C-alpha cells in the first residue's frame, strides 16, 4: 500500500490521514481528513495502515458500509408520514396562512432545484432530527451518502406537496345541488391561464435586465422554439407533461446553428428537424433549453400564468467529454509561438495588438476577452510589482465570467523585458489598451484577436488542431505551474478560478500577497 496516497503533511508538520468516500455525481470525489496528531512519519505510517485496513473492510462489506436502499426509503417514508399527519391535523384545526402556503411552495421548488442540479447538500433538510427520530447512527448516515441526502430531500419535497394539496382543499367551498337529471355533456372549458407568447414577453421583461445582452438573445431564441411549436396563442395550463416530452424529442433532432446555415435558415421547425446530414445540438445544449423552460414554468406558476410545471425531470444524459476539447501547448509548440511573436520571422504578426494580446495570453493565462477588454488604467503597480487588474469596471461592455475572475495578475518578467510597459506608455493618451479590438455581441472584445490567432496564426505555424486555440494558453499556464509545484490555490488565484474549502473561502478571503503571486508566475517558462 502506498502511504503517500493516504498521508498528507500540514504546514505545521502534522500528518493527516485522507480516505476517499464512495463516488458521487459531483465533479470532485469527497474525502475525509483526520489528524493523526503526530509529526513522526513512522508513527503516522502505522496509524495510516490501520485506518486504511478498516476503511477497506468497511468499503468491501456492503452491510457495514451503508443502509440498504429499501431500508433507507422506508425510514424516510415513515418519518415524513408522521409529519404529514401532524400538518394535516394543524390545517384542520387552524388553517394555513397565505404566507405559510407561499413559504411551503417556495421551499418545495428549492428542493426540486437541488435534486435537478444533483447537489448533495443538506440545505433545508432536518438531518439531525431525522437521525434522532429514526435511530440512524452517524456512521450509517455518512456511509449512506449521497443517497441519504437525496432520499431525504425527495421525502421533504413530497411532504410539502401533500401539505399544499391539503391546504388548497380546505380553501374553497362547493354549493352545488344534485341535479334531477344528468346534464347534457358539454365541451371542457378552456383553461384559465395566459397565452404562451404573453407569458414569455412578461418573463423576458422581468429578467432580461439582469442578464447580459448575449444571454437575453440566447434565451429568447430558446423560448421561440416553444412559440413555434405550440403557437403564440396556446394556453400554458393546456400544456401537459406529454407536450414537454414532445419538445424534448424535437430538441434531440434540432440541427445546430439552424438559423445561420443556408440550407436550414428560414425553414419551419417541423421541417428543419427532418433535414438530415447536419450535426444536432449537444446534450449540454439540450439541457440548457430544458433548464430554461423549467425555470420559465416555475416563474409562470408563481405568477399565476399556469397551474403546473411540466419540464421537471426532462434532462437528457450528458455525453462524455471529448478528449480533444482543449489541451495545452507542448513545450516545443510554446517555444515556436514565442519565437514568432517576438521575432516575427515568418511575417505572421502584422499588428502590435496581435503581438501583445497573444503574449499576454501566454504569460498570464488570462481569458481571451479579459485581455482584449483591458484599459490602460488596468496596468498598475503595487509594492514595486507591475500587474494587470482584471475587472469589469469601465465601460458597460466589460465583463468577467465569475466573481473569482476579478483578480490581479503580476506581469511576468519576460513581458517587461520584451517592452510591454513601453507599449502601454505609447497608448497612455487613450482609454483602452487595445482600441482596435471592437466589441461584438457574440464574442465580446476578443473576437478579432481570437479569429486571427485561431484561424490564421496557428494554422500557418502548422498547429491547426481542433484542441489547440487561444484558450489553450490557460491550460498551458495551469499545467506548467502545477508541474513547477505551485500550490493549487495560488494557481487558481492567477487564472481566476474559485478557491474551494473552508480554509480558502473563509480564512483566506484576502487572498495571497502580490509577491507570492509574482514568485509563482515567474516559475512559468517557455
Protein backbone atom coordinates (compact mmCIF):
# COMPACT_ATOMS: atom_id res chain seq x y z
CA UNK A 1 0.00 0.00 0.00
CA UNK A 2 1.35 3.38 -0.98
CA UNK A 3 1.08 5.51 2.11
CA UNK A 4 1.54 8.68 0.06
CA UNK A 5 -2.00 8.19 -1.20
CA UNK A 6 -3.41 8.35 2.33
CA UNK A 7 -1.00 10.60 4.21
CA UNK A 8 -0.63 14.34 3.88
CA UNK A 9 1.52 16.77 5.81
CA UNK A 10 0.16 20.06 7.11
CA UNK A 11 2.16 23.26 7.07
CA UNK A 12 2.76 22.71 10.79
CA UNK A 13 4.37 19.33 10.16
CA UNK A 14 1.43 17.26 11.48
CA UNK A 15 0.42 14.18 9.49
CA UNK A 16 -3.17 13.78 8.30
CA UNK A 17 -4.93 10.64 7.07
CA UNK A 18 -7.07 11.07 3.94
CA UNK A 19 -9.60 8.47 2.82
CA UNK A 20 -11.79 8.69 -0.32
CA UNK A 21 -15.53 8.29 0.18
CA UNK A 22 -17.68 6.47 -2.39
CA UNK A 23 -18.11 8.27 -5.71
CA UNK A 24 -20.99 10.68 -6.09
CA UNK A 25 -22.35 12.51 -9.12
CA UNK A 26 -20.42 15.64 -8.15
CA UNK A 27 -17.31 16.62 -10.07
CA UNK A 28 -14.97 16.17 -7.08
CA UNK A 29 -14.70 12.91 -5.21
CA UNK A 30 -15.36 13.56 -1.49
CA UNK A 31 -12.76 12.60 1.11
CA UNK A 32 -12.47 12.60 4.87
CA UNK A 33 -9.39 14.05 6.53
CA UNK A 34 -8.32 13.05 10.05
CA UNK A 35 -5.44 14.48 12.06
CA UNK A 36 -3.11 11.73 13.30
CA UNK A 37 -1.70 14.16 15.91
CA UNK A 38 1.88 13.16 15.25
CA UNK A 39 4.87 14.54 13.42
CA UNK A 40 6.64 11.17 13.39
CA UNK A 41 6.49 9.56 9.92
CA UNK A 42 6.88 6.03 11.35
CA UNK A 43 4.03 6.52 13.82
CA UNK A 44 1.92 8.12 11.08
CA UNK A 45 2.59 5.17 8.77
CA UNK A 46 1.47 2.68 11.40
CA UNK A 47 -1.75 4.58 12.09
CA UNK A 48 -2.43 5.04 8.38
CA UNK A 49 -2.11 1.28 7.74
CA UNK A 50 -4.59 0.54 10.49
CA UNK A 51 -7.10 3.14 9.34
CA UNK A 52 -6.75 2.09 5.69
CA UNK A 53 -7.41 -1.55 6.57
CA UNK A 54 -10.54 -0.51 8.48
CA UNK A 55 -11.60 1.54 5.50
CA UNK A 56 -11.13 -1.36 3.11
CA UNK A 57 -13.16 -3.68 5.33
CA UNK A 58 -15.97 -1.14 5.54
CA UNK A 59 -15.87 -0.41 1.82
CA UNK A 60 -15.98 -4.07 0.79
CA UNK A 61 -18.70 -5.07 3.26
CA UNK A 62 -21.89 -3.56 1.90
CA UNK A 63 -23.82 -4.38 5.09
CA UNK A 64 -21.36 -2.29 7.08
CA UNK A 65 -20.93 0.45 4.51
CA UNK A 66 -24.45 1.83 4.18
CA UNK A 67 -28.15 1.43 4.76
CA UNK A 68 -29.89 -0.68 2.14
CA UNK A 69 -31.81 1.44 -0.34
CA UNK A 70 -35.15 -0.15 0.56
CA UNK A 71 -34.45 0.33 4.27
CA UNK A 72 -33.46 3.97 3.73
CA UNK A 73 -36.62 4.72 1.75
CA UNK A 74 -38.78 3.04 4.39
CA UNK A 75 -37.23 5.19 7.12
CA UNK A 76 -37.81 8.36 5.10
CA UNK A 77 -41.39 7.34 4.31
CA UNK A 78 -42.17 6.60 7.97
CA UNK A 79 -40.59 9.83 9.18
CA UNK A 80 -42.47 12.13 6.83
CA UNK A 81 -45.74 10.19 7.09
CA UNK A 82 -45.84 11.03 10.79
CA UNK A 83 -45.11 14.66 10.00
CA UNK A 84 -47.85 14.73 7.35
CA UNK A 85 -50.45 13.59 9.91
CA UNK A 86 -49.37 16.40 12.22
CA UNK A 87 -49.53 19.01 9.44
CA UNK A 88 -52.99 17.89 8.29
CA UNK A 89 -54.28 17.97 11.87
CA UNK A 90 -52.92 21.51 12.22
CA UNK A 91 -54.59 22.61 8.97
CA UNK A 92 -57.91 21.11 10.03
CA UNK A 93 -57.76 22.89 13.38
CA UNK A 94 -56.37 26.27 12.43
CA UNK A 95 -55.94 26.51 8.68
CA UNK A 96 -52.76 27.66 6.92
CA UNK A 97 -51.94 31.31 6.33
CA UNK A 98 -51.13 32.61 2.84
CA UNK A 99 -47.60 33.39 4.00
CA UNK A 100 -47.10 29.80 5.19
CA UNK A 101 -48.50 28.46 1.91
CA UNK A 102 -46.11 30.63 -0.12
CA UNK A 103 -43.16 29.59 2.07
CA UNK A 104 -44.03 25.92 1.63
CA UNK A 105 -44.34 26.32 -2.13
CA UNK A 106 -41.02 28.18 -2.32
CA UNK A 107 -39.24 25.52 -0.25
CA UNK A 108 -40.70 22.73 -2.39
CA UNK A 109 -39.30 24.39 -5.52
CA UNK A 110 -35.94 24.85 -3.81
CA UNK A 111 -35.82 21.12 -3.06
CA UNK A 112 -36.59 20.36 -6.70
CA UNK A 113 -33.80 22.71 -7.80
CA UNK A 114 -31.32 20.85 -5.59
CA UNK A 115 -32.47 17.50 -6.97
CA UNK A 116 -32.21 18.69 -10.57
CA UNK A 117 -28.73 20.12 -10.07
CA UNK A 118 -27.63 16.92 -8.24
CA UNK A 119 -26.05 18.92 -5.43
CA UNK A 120 -25.56 16.68 -2.35
CA UNK A 121 -26.07 19.48 0.17
CA UNK A 122 -28.14 19.33 3.38
CA UNK A 123 -29.67 22.81 2.98
CA UNK A 124 -33.29 22.93 4.28
CA UNK A 125 -33.10 19.28 5.42
CA UNK A 126 -33.86 18.10 9.02
CA UNK A 127 -30.87 15.76 9.06
CA UNK A 128 -30.21 15.63 12.81
CA UNK A 129 -33.89 15.33 13.73
CA UNK A 130 -34.35 12.54 11.17
CA UNK A 131 -31.36 10.63 12.54
CA UNK A 132 -32.57 11.05 16.11
CA UNK A 133 -36.20 10.09 15.44
CA UNK A 134 -35.43 7.12 13.20
CA UNK A 135 -32.43 5.80 15.13
CA UNK A 136 -29.89 6.32 12.34
CA UNK A 137 -26.32 6.44 13.59
CA UNK A 138 -23.74 8.93 12.36
CA UNK A 139 -21.81 6.07 10.77
CA UNK A 140 -24.88 4.80 8.91
CA UNK A 141 -25.68 8.30 7.69
CA UNK A 142 -22.15 9.05 6.46
CA UNK A 143 -21.79 5.68 4.76
CA UNK A 144 -25.15 6.15 3.01
CA UNK A 145 -24.21 9.47 1.43
CA UNK A 146 -25.13 10.91 -1.03
CA UNK A 147 -28.22 8.66 -1.37
CA UNK A 148 -29.37 9.55 2.15
CA UNK A 149 -29.45 13.27 1.30
CA UNK A 150 -31.25 12.65 -2.00
CA UNK A 151 -33.95 10.44 -0.44
CA UNK A 152 -34.48 12.80 2.49
CA UNK A 153 -34.88 15.71 0.09
CA UNK A 154 -37.36 13.75 -2.04
CA UNK A 155 -39.34 12.94 1.10
CA UNK A 156 -39.43 16.56 2.25
CA UNK A 157 -40.47 17.71 -1.21
CA UNK A 158 -43.32 15.18 -1.33
CA UNK A 159 -44.44 16.14 2.19
CA UNK A 160 -44.69 19.81 1.17
CA UNK A 161 -46.62 18.89 -1.97
CA UNK A 162 -49.21 16.93 0.02
CA UNK A 163 -49.45 19.71 2.61
CA UNK A 164 -50.15 22.25 -0.14
CA UNK A 165 -52.81 19.99 -1.61
CA UNK A 166 -54.46 19.68 1.80
CA UNK A 167 -54.36 23.46 2.22
CA UNK A 168 -55.93 24.00 -1.20
CA UNK A 169 -58.74 21.52 -0.47
CA UNK A 170 -59.61 23.49 2.65
CA UNK A 171 -59.53 26.85 0.88
CA UNK A 172 -62.74 26.61 -1.17
CA UNK A 173 -66.40 25.62 -1.00
CA UNK A 174 -68.81 23.69 -3.19
CA UNK A 175 -72.54 24.62 -3.04
CA UNK A 176 -73.74 22.57 -5.98
CA UNK A 177 -77.14 20.87 -5.66
CA UNK A 178 -77.60 17.35 -7.06
CA UNK A 179 -79.29 17.52 -10.44
CA UNK A 180 -82.55 15.68 -11.07
CA UNK A 181 -81.33 14.52 -14.45
CA UNK A 182 -77.75 14.36 -15.69
CA UNK A 183 -76.85 17.45 -17.70
CA UNK A 184 -76.04 17.19 -21.37
CA UNK A 185 -72.28 16.74 -21.99
CA UNK A 186 -70.53 19.94 -22.90
CA UNK A 187 -67.08 20.81 -24.14
CA UNK A 188 -64.44 21.22 -21.48
CA UNK A 189 -63.93 24.89 -20.65
CA UNK A 190 -60.72 26.46 -21.86
CA UNK A 191 -58.17 26.51 -19.01
CA UNK A 192 -57.88 29.85 -17.35
CA UNK A 193 -54.27 30.84 -17.95
CA UNK A 194 -52.13 33.16 -20.01
CA UNK A 195 -51.20 32.76 -23.64
CA UNK A 196 -47.70 31.42 -24.23
CA UNK A 197 -46.46 34.49 -26.13
CA UNK A 198 -47.78 36.88 -23.46
CA UNK A 199 -46.21 34.93 -20.60
CA UNK A 200 -42.85 34.77 -22.39
CA UNK A 201 -42.94 38.51 -23.01
CA UNK A 202 -43.59 39.15 -19.30
CA UNK A 203 -40.87 36.68 -18.29
CA UNK A 204 -38.27 38.29 -20.54
CA UNK A 205 -39.26 41.82 -19.50
CA UNK A 206 -38.71 40.91 -15.85
CA UNK A 207 -35.45 39.00 -16.24
CA UNK A 208 -33.63 40.43 -19.27
CA UNK A 209 -32.43 43.49 -17.36
CA UNK A 210 -30.40 41.15 -15.12
CA UNK A 211 -28.81 39.24 -17.98
CA UNK A 212 -26.08 40.25 -20.43
CA UNK A 213 -27.38 41.10 -23.87
CA UNK A 214 -25.92 37.92 -25.31
CA UNK A 215 -27.68 35.77 -22.70
CA UNK A 216 -31.00 37.53 -23.27
CA UNK A 217 -30.79 36.91 -27.00
CA UNK A 218 -29.92 33.26 -26.47
CA UNK A 219 -32.79 32.69 -24.04
CA UNK A 220 -35.22 34.48 -26.34
CA UNK A 221 -34.26 32.08 -29.14
CA UNK A 222 -34.73 29.09 -26.79
CA UNK A 223 -38.24 30.24 -25.85
CA UNK A 224 -39.06 30.99 -29.50
CA UNK A 225 -38.93 27.23 -30.10
CA UNK A 226 -41.88 26.78 -27.72
CA UNK A 227 -43.83 29.51 -29.52
CA UNK A 228 -43.07 28.00 -32.92
CA UNK A 229 -44.09 24.51 -31.82
CA UNK A 230 -47.22 25.28 -29.78
CA UNK A 231 -48.28 28.57 -31.37
CA UNK A 232 -48.35 32.00 -29.72
CA UNK A 233 -51.97 31.64 -28.52
CA UNK A 234 -51.52 28.28 -26.77
CA UNK A 235 -52.68 28.41 -23.15
CA UNK A 236 -50.00 27.44 -20.64
CA UNK A 237 -52.46 25.48 -18.50
CA UNK A 238 -53.36 23.33 -21.51
CA UNK A 239 -49.77 22.15 -21.93
CA UNK A 240 -49.01 18.75 -20.37
CA UNK A 241 -46.08 16.53 -19.47
CA UNK A 242 -46.67 14.73 -22.75
CA UNK A 243 -46.20 18.03 -24.58
CA UNK A 244 -42.94 18.60 -22.69
CA UNK A 245 -41.73 15.15 -23.75
CA UNK A 246 -42.52 16.05 -27.38
CA UNK A 247 -40.42 19.23 -27.04
CA UNK A 248 -37.58 17.12 -25.67
CA UNK A 249 -37.75 14.86 -28.76
CA UNK A 250 -37.71 17.90 -31.03
CA UNK A 251 -34.61 19.28 -29.29
CA UNK A 252 -32.80 15.99 -29.80
CA UNK A 253 -33.43 16.32 -33.55
CA UNK A 254 -32.71 20.06 -33.77
CA UNK A 255 -29.78 20.91 -36.09
CA UNK A 256 -27.03 23.06 -34.64
CA UNK A 257 -26.81 26.64 -35.98
CA UNK A 258 -30.24 26.23 -37.54
CA UNK A 259 -30.75 29.96 -38.03
CA UNK A 260 -27.41 30.60 -39.80
CA UNK A 261 -26.94 27.63 -42.15
CA UNK A 262 -28.22 28.46 -45.68
CA UNK A 263 -29.85 25.05 -46.08
CA UNK A 264 -31.84 25.44 -42.87
CA UNK A 265 -32.34 29.18 -42.50
CA UNK A 266 -35.98 30.10 -42.90
CA UNK A 267 -37.29 26.54 -42.64
CA UNK A 268 -40.14 25.97 -40.16
CA UNK A 269 -39.21 23.98 -37.07
CA UNK A 270 -41.20 20.93 -38.18
CA UNK A 271 -39.29 20.81 -41.47
CA UNK A 272 -35.85 21.71 -40.07
CA UNK A 273 -35.77 18.67 -37.77
CA UNK A 274 -36.43 16.39 -40.76
CA UNK A 275 -33.41 17.59 -42.73
CA UNK A 276 -30.59 15.06 -42.46
CA UNK A 277 -26.85 15.47 -42.78
CA UNK A 278 -26.48 18.21 -40.17
CA UNK A 279 -24.97 17.96 -36.71
CA UNK A 280 -27.62 18.23 -33.98
CA UNK A 281 -27.26 20.30 -30.81
CA UNK A 282 -25.31 18.65 -28.00
CA UNK A 283 -26.86 17.08 -24.87
CA UNK A 284 -25.46 20.00 -22.88
CA UNK A 285 -27.31 22.48 -25.12
CA UNK A 286 -30.49 20.39 -24.93
CA UNK A 287 -30.32 20.51 -21.15
CA UNK A 288 -29.76 24.27 -21.27
CA UNK A 289 -33.03 24.59 -23.22
CA UNK A 290 -34.91 22.35 -20.81
CA UNK A 291 -33.48 24.12 -17.75
CA UNK A 292 -34.73 27.45 -19.10
CA UNK A 293 -38.16 26.00 -19.92
CA UNK A 294 -38.45 24.64 -16.40
CA UNK A 295 -37.38 27.97 -14.96
CA UNK A 296 -39.96 29.72 -17.13
CA UNK A 297 -42.78 27.44 -15.95
CA UNK A 298 -41.76 27.84 -12.30
CA UNK A 299 -41.96 31.60 -12.78
CA UNK A 300 -45.28 31.26 -14.66
CA UNK A 301 -46.78 29.12 -11.89
CA UNK A 302 -45.68 31.57 -9.20
CA UNK A 303 -47.15 34.50 -11.12
CA UNK A 304 -50.49 32.86 -11.89
CA UNK A 305 -49.92 32.25 -15.60
CA UNK A 306 -50.40 28.48 -15.18
CA UNK A 307 -51.19 25.92 -12.52
CA UNK A 308 -48.44 23.37 -13.06
CA UNK A 309 -44.81 22.85 -14.04
CA UNK A 310 -44.25 20.38 -16.88
CA UNK A 311 -40.48 20.22 -17.52
CA UNK A 312 -39.39 18.54 -14.27
CA UNK A 313 -37.05 15.58 -14.78
CA UNK A 314 -36.74 16.06 -18.55
CA UNK A 315 -32.98 16.42 -18.89
CA UNK A 316 -31.09 14.05 -21.17
CA UNK A 317 -27.94 12.15 -20.13
CA UNK A 318 -24.76 14.06 -20.84
CA UNK A 319 -22.29 12.71 -23.33
CA UNK A 320 -18.78 12.03 -22.12
CA UNK A 321 -16.48 14.96 -22.71
CA UNK A 322 -14.46 14.61 -25.87
CA UNK A 323 -10.74 14.14 -25.19
CA UNK A 324 -9.94 16.88 -27.73
CA UNK A 325 -11.96 19.73 -26.20
CA UNK A 326 -8.91 21.78 -25.27
CA UNK A 327 -5.33 20.89 -24.47
CA UNK A 328 -2.17 22.79 -23.50
CA UNK A 329 0.58 23.68 -25.93
CA UNK A 330 3.61 21.43 -25.73
CA UNK A 331 6.97 22.89 -24.72
CA UNK A 332 8.11 22.85 -28.35
CA UNK A 333 4.90 24.48 -29.58
CA UNK A 334 5.19 27.18 -26.90
CA UNK A 335 8.74 27.96 -27.97
CA UNK A 336 7.70 28.14 -31.63
CA UNK A 337 4.80 30.52 -30.85
CA UNK A 338 7.02 32.65 -28.62
CA UNK A 339 9.73 32.90 -31.29
CA UNK A 340 7.30 34.04 -33.99
CA UNK A 341 5.56 36.56 -31.71
CA UNK A 342 8.85 38.13 -30.61
CA UNK A 343 10.90 37.98 -33.84
CA UNK A 344 8.15 37.81 -36.50
CA UNK A 345 10.47 35.70 -38.61
CA UNK A 346 7.71 34.46 -40.91
CA UNK A 347 5.93 37.83 -41.03
CA UNK A 348 2.73 36.44 -39.46
CA UNK A 349 2.35 39.25 -36.91
CA UNK A 350 1.28 42.48 -38.59
CA UNK A 351 -0.21 44.40 -35.67
CA UNK A 352 1.18 45.24 -32.24
CA UNK A 353 -2.20 44.42 -30.74
CA UNK A 354 -1.95 40.87 -32.03
CA UNK A 355 1.58 40.51 -30.69
CA UNK A 356 0.93 41.81 -27.19
CA UNK A 357 -2.52 40.27 -26.90
CA UNK A 358 -1.08 36.84 -27.67
CA UNK A 359 1.93 37.35 -25.38
CA UNK A 360 -0.34 38.40 -22.51
CA UNK A 361 -2.31 35.20 -23.03
CA UNK A 362 0.88 33.16 -22.91
CA UNK A 363 2.35 34.77 -19.78
CA UNK A 364 -0.83 35.35 -17.72
CA UNK A 365 -3.21 32.52 -18.67
CA UNK A 366 -5.99 35.11 -18.78
CA UNK A 367 -9.12 34.56 -20.84
CA UNK A 368 -9.28 35.99 -24.35
CA UNK A 369 -11.92 38.61 -23.56
CA UNK A 370 -10.24 39.56 -20.28
CA UNK A 371 -7.14 40.55 -22.22
CA UNK A 372 -8.85 42.32 -25.12
CA UNK A 373 -11.07 44.48 -22.87
CA UNK A 374 -8.17 45.83 -20.77
CA UNK A 375 -7.96 49.56 -20.19
CA UNK A 376 -4.71 51.50 -19.91
CA UNK A 377 -5.63 52.08 -16.26
CA UNK A 378 -5.77 48.32 -15.68
CA UNK A 379 -1.95 48.10 -15.94
CA UNK A 380 -0.97 49.06 -12.40
CA UNK A 381 1.88 48.84 -9.91
CA UNK A 382 1.78 47.78 -6.27
CA UNK A 383 4.77 47.42 -3.92
CA UNK A 384 7.05 47.78 -6.93
CA UNK A 385 5.32 44.96 -8.81
CA UNK A 386 3.53 45.59 -12.11
CA UNK A 387 0.28 43.70 -12.60
CA UNK A 388 -2.92 43.50 -14.65
CA UNK A 389 -6.08 44.46 -12.77
CA UNK A 390 -8.65 42.20 -14.41
CA UNK A 391 -12.08 43.64 -13.64
CA UNK A 392 -15.43 44.54 -15.19
CA UNK A 393 -15.12 48.17 -14.14
CA UNK A 394 -15.07 50.66 -17.00
CA UNK A 395 -17.39 50.78 -19.98
CA UNK A 396 -20.64 48.84 -19.94
CA UNK A 397 -19.31 46.17 -22.28
CA UNK A 398 -16.56 44.97 -19.93
CA UNK A 399 -17.46 41.75 -18.14
CA UNK A 400 -15.99 38.91 -16.10
CA UNK A 401 -17.09 35.29 -16.05
CA UNK A 402 -17.48 34.98 -12.26
CA UNK A 403 -16.61 36.73 -9.02
CA UNK A 404 -13.30 34.85 -8.83
CA UNK A 405 -12.39 36.27 -12.24
CA UNK A 406 -11.80 39.71 -10.68
CA UNK A 407 -8.14 39.47 -9.77
CA UNK A 408 -4.65 40.94 -10.01
CA UNK A 409 -2.14 39.07 -12.17
CA UNK A 410 1.54 40.06 -11.87
CA UNK A 411 3.37 40.77 -15.11
CA UNK A 412 5.86 38.07 -15.99
CA UNK A 413 9.46 39.39 -16.14
CA UNK A 414 9.65 38.36 -19.81
CA UNK A 415 6.76 40.71 -20.66
CA UNK A 416 8.61 43.61 -19.03
CA UNK A 417 11.88 42.65 -20.71
CA UNK A 418 10.20 42.47 -24.12
CA UNK A 419 8.89 46.04 -23.78
CA UNK A 420 5.25 45.67 -22.74
CA UNK A 421 5.40 48.68 -20.41
CA UNK A 422 6.77 50.78 -23.26
CA UNK A 423 3.85 49.63 -25.41
CA UNK A 424 1.46 50.74 -22.64
CA UNK A 425 3.23 54.10 -22.39
CA UNK A 426 2.73 54.69 -26.12
CA UNK A 427 -1.04 54.35 -25.67
CA UNK A 428 -1.41 56.33 -22.44
CA UNK A 429 -3.43 59.09 -24.12
CA UNK A 430 -6.26 56.67 -24.86
CA UNK A 431 -8.60 54.66 -22.63
CA UNK A 432 -8.43 51.11 -23.90
CA UNK A 433 -5.18 49.18 -24.22
CA UNK A 434 -6.32 47.56 -27.47
CA UNK A 435 -8.74 50.04 -29.10
CA UNK A 436 -8.54 48.21 -32.43
CA UNK A 437 -10.35 45.20 -30.92
CA UNK A 438 -14.00 46.11 -31.49
CA UNK A 439 -16.88 44.82 -29.38
CA UNK A 440 -19.17 42.08 -30.68
CA UNK A 441 -22.35 40.76 -29.07
CA UNK A 442 -21.24 37.17 -29.62
CA UNK A 443 -17.52 37.36 -28.95
CA UNK A 444 -17.14 40.41 -26.72
CA UNK A 445 -13.89 42.28 -27.35
CA UNK A 446 -11.98 39.06 -28.07
CA UNK A 447 -13.47 38.18 -31.43
CA UNK A 448 -10.83 39.88 -33.59
CA UNK A 449 -7.80 38.52 -31.74
CA UNK A 450 -9.37 35.07 -31.43
CA UNK A 451 -10.04 34.79 -35.14
CA UNK A 452 -6.54 35.93 -36.09
CA UNK A 453 -4.85 33.60 -33.60
CA UNK A 454 -7.02 30.51 -34.20
CA UNK A 455 -7.70 30.81 -37.92
CA UNK A 456 -4.56 32.46 -39.27
CA UNK A 457 -1.61 32.41 -36.89
CA UNK A 458 -1.76 28.81 -35.60
CA UNK A 459 -2.54 27.20 -38.99
CA UNK A 460 0.46 28.97 -40.57
CA UNK A 461 2.63 27.55 -37.80
CA UNK A 462 1.28 24.08 -38.72
CA UNK A 463 -0.65 23.88 -35.43
CA UNK A 464 -4.11 23.59 -36.91
CA UNK A 465 -5.80 21.27 -34.43
CA UNK A 466 -9.31 21.38 -33.00
CA UNK A 467 -7.92 21.15 -29.48
CA UNK A 468 -5.39 23.99 -29.89
CA UNK A 469 -6.83 27.50 -29.66
CA UNK A 470 -6.16 30.72 -27.76
CA UNK A 471 -7.81 29.17 -24.68
CA UNK A 472 -5.03 26.56 -24.70
CA UNK A 473 -2.85 29.25 -23.11
CA UNK A 474 -4.90 28.81 -19.90
CA UNK A 475 -4.41 25.06 -19.98
CA UNK A 476 -0.72 25.61 -20.58
CA UNK A 477 -0.34 28.04 -17.67
CA UNK A 478 -2.18 25.77 -15.24
CA UNK A 479 -0.19 22.73 -16.40
CA UNK A 480 3.22 24.40 -16.21
CA UNK A 481 2.60 25.94 -12.77
CA UNK A 482 1.34 22.64 -11.45
CA UNK A 483 4.44 20.90 -12.76
CA UNK A 484 6.54 23.57 -11.02
CA UNK A 485 4.93 22.64 -7.65
CA UNK A 486 2.97 25.89 -7.34
CA UNK A 487 0.16 25.30 -4.79
CA UNK A 488 -3.22 24.88 -6.43
CA UNK A 489 -4.92 27.81 -4.59
CA UNK A 490 -2.26 30.19 -5.95
CA UNK A 491 -2.74 28.79 -9.46
CA UNK A 492 -6.49 29.41 -9.06
CA UNK A 493 -5.82 33.00 -8.00
CA UNK A 494 -3.69 33.61 -11.08
CA UNK A 495 -6.13 32.18 -13.65
CA UNK A 496 -9.32 33.34 -11.93
CA UNK A 497 -10.82 30.09 -10.67
CA UNK A 498 -12.77 29.93 -7.41
CA UNK A 499 -10.79 28.62 -4.46
CA UNK A 500 -12.58 25.86 -2.54
CA UNK A 501 -12.73 24.67 1.04
CA UNK A 502 -13.27 26.38 4.38
CA UNK A 503 -9.63 27.39 4.69
CA UNK A 504 -9.58 29.20 1.34
CA UNK A 505 -13.15 30.54 1.27
CA UNK A 506 -13.41 31.70 4.88
CA UNK A 507 -9.96 32.20 6.35
CA UNK A 508 -8.13 33.27 3.18
CA UNK A 509 -10.65 35.79 1.88
CA UNK A 510 -7.94 38.41 1.43
CA UNK A 511 -6.07 36.07 -0.89
CA UNK A 512 -2.32 35.94 -1.40
CA UNK A 513 0.21 38.76 -1.38
CA UNK A 514 1.31 40.21 -4.69
CA UNK A 515 4.86 38.98 -4.03
CA UNK A 516 3.58 35.42 -3.63
CA UNK A 517 1.71 35.61 -6.93
CA UNK A 518 4.76 37.11 -8.65
CA UNK A 519 7.04 34.34 -7.36
CA UNK A 520 4.56 31.76 -8.64
CA UNK A 521 4.11 33.20 -12.11
CA UNK A 522 7.88 33.55 -12.53
CA UNK A 523 8.03 29.75 -12.45
CA UNK A 524 6.31 29.68 -15.83
CA UNK A 525 8.93 29.28 -18.54
CA UNK A 526 8.67 28.93 -22.29
